[in-house]
Structure formats: structure tokens, C-alpha cells
Amino acid sequence: MNEDKNLNILISNDDGVFALGVRTLADTLAKAGHHVTVVCPDRERSATGHGLTLHQPLRAQEVESIFHPLVTAWSCSGTPADCVKFALSAVLETKPDLVLSGINHGPNLGTDVLYSGTVSAAMEGTLEGIPSVAFSLVSFTNNEFQVAANFALKLINQLDINQFPKPALLSVNIPAVAQSDIAGVMITRQGLRRYIEKFEKRYDPHGKSYYWLVGEIIEDIPQPEDPNLPPHILTDVQAIRDRYITITPLQYNLTDAVTAKFLYNHKLNIDCS
């Protein structure tokens, strides 16, 4: 329990430093007594995944008059992962207790996490051995982030970060409904969220063609049970539909143990000459 401890917290996002979601989260935590540093992209960098800026310099500057006076904030020209790396190496004098990302405008459910800059910012913290949480509001149009920020405060106050078996990476999705309409909080597993995708051909004012990625979400895709988890644990896609706040533990190790065992047991005899 961290209720009586003021934590040193680093916050980033992929919606940009001027986004309402990160401001609501940072200000809520600062007012509660936590020491908050914000380092975010200088513009929206959604769906950048875990990309890094390698072929041009990063530019960063402090941001004033946007956040609560107790919040130290920086904007950075890089990706969300860049921002966390920059913060840990060049802004903060000591390693933070937590890295938070968000509150993202829109869901990060199922396989969305593979593309999400929000989740990648949190993952960068975990890679550095710091417990990290990505927060997402499940709406692209709702601008009421306070319910999600209040839950984030409750969550970090209750997390005993020293008790986790390893530095955690949590993806938290909050329904975009009133507090009274939230069904509860559920630990979930990652679901499958696919899209019917197409590239729509359009033309600019000069008559030159360009393409715009458009698509429709498919959410009701059956998911096999994970033998390592109790069978009653729902996917995040299922639980959010029932208006539960979902907490999905993630990991960055993508090794497929089932296929690895299959290949090992079949002792492939491939000539590499």
C-alpha cells in the first residue's frame, strides 16, 4: 500500500503534451501529493509503437503554465519511447518509482497494444526495471478524463510496487461512462481486436493520388483459453464491453513457448550449407 507515501512518478503519452488526458492525470496525482514529472511528445504521436528517433536530433524544452504548479513538464520532439528514454537519462536525477502513460484518448485493447505509443511508453519504463502502467479512456470523443484519473490515483496508492515478482507492465482501460455506471474492476487477459482494413484512394487539390488507411473493428473473435491462466479470466475486449475497468498485465518477451516446444520436439533437420 502506498497511501501514505509520496511517489516520484514519470508520466508520458502519445497524444502530446497539450492533451487533456495527460494534464488531468498529472494534476490529479500532483494535488494528491505525489512528485510528478511529465515528458511527452510535442505533438500527437499515436500508433507509433516502440519506434525510436535515430536519424535526427531530439529537441526538448520545459513547458510552463499548462499543468499544476507542482508538476515539472517537458515537451520532446521524439516518439513516446524517446520521451521516456530522454526523461530517465537527461531530465530526472534519480530513477522514478513509477512510469505512467496516458490517459490515452481511445482504447488500447487486444492487439492494439502492438501499435500503441501509449503502451510502448509504459513498456520503456518496464524495460528499465520500473513498474509501469498505461491508462486509456475507451472513447475517441469523450473528453471527461477525471473518472479515469481518479481510478489511476486509487490504483497507484494501492499497488505495493515492491511486492511484484518482477517490474510490472499493466495496461488499464477505463470505460467512458459516469463513475456510477462502471460495473467494477477486472483483471483480464489480452484479447484479439482485428480490423477489416482497406486503403481508400483519394486525390489532393493538384490531382495527385494518395491513400488513407480506413477500417472497421472486429471485436467478437473467439479466443482460446490460456493454459497458464484460470479459465474464468475474460479478455479485455470482453470485459470492457460490460463496462468493467480492465487491468491487463503485459510482457515484452514475445517468445512463443508452444511453437518453440513443437520445433524442439520435432528436431528439425535443415541443411544450412
Foldseek 3Di string as FASTA:
>chain_A
DQLPPAWEEEEEEQAAPQALWVQLQQQLSVVSPHQYEYEYAHHHRWQQALDWDDPDDKDKDWDPDRHDPRYTYMHINIALLHRLVCCCPPPDPDQTQEYEYTQAQADCAAPSNRRGSRLSNQQSCQVVQHAYEYHYEHHNPDRPNNVVSVVVNVVVNPDPQVPDPGRWRKYKYAYSDDPVQAPEAAEAEGAHKDWDWDWDWDADPVRDIDTDIDTDIDLPDDDDADPVDPRVHHGPSVNVVSRYIYIYIDDPPPDDPVVVVVCVVVVDDDDPD
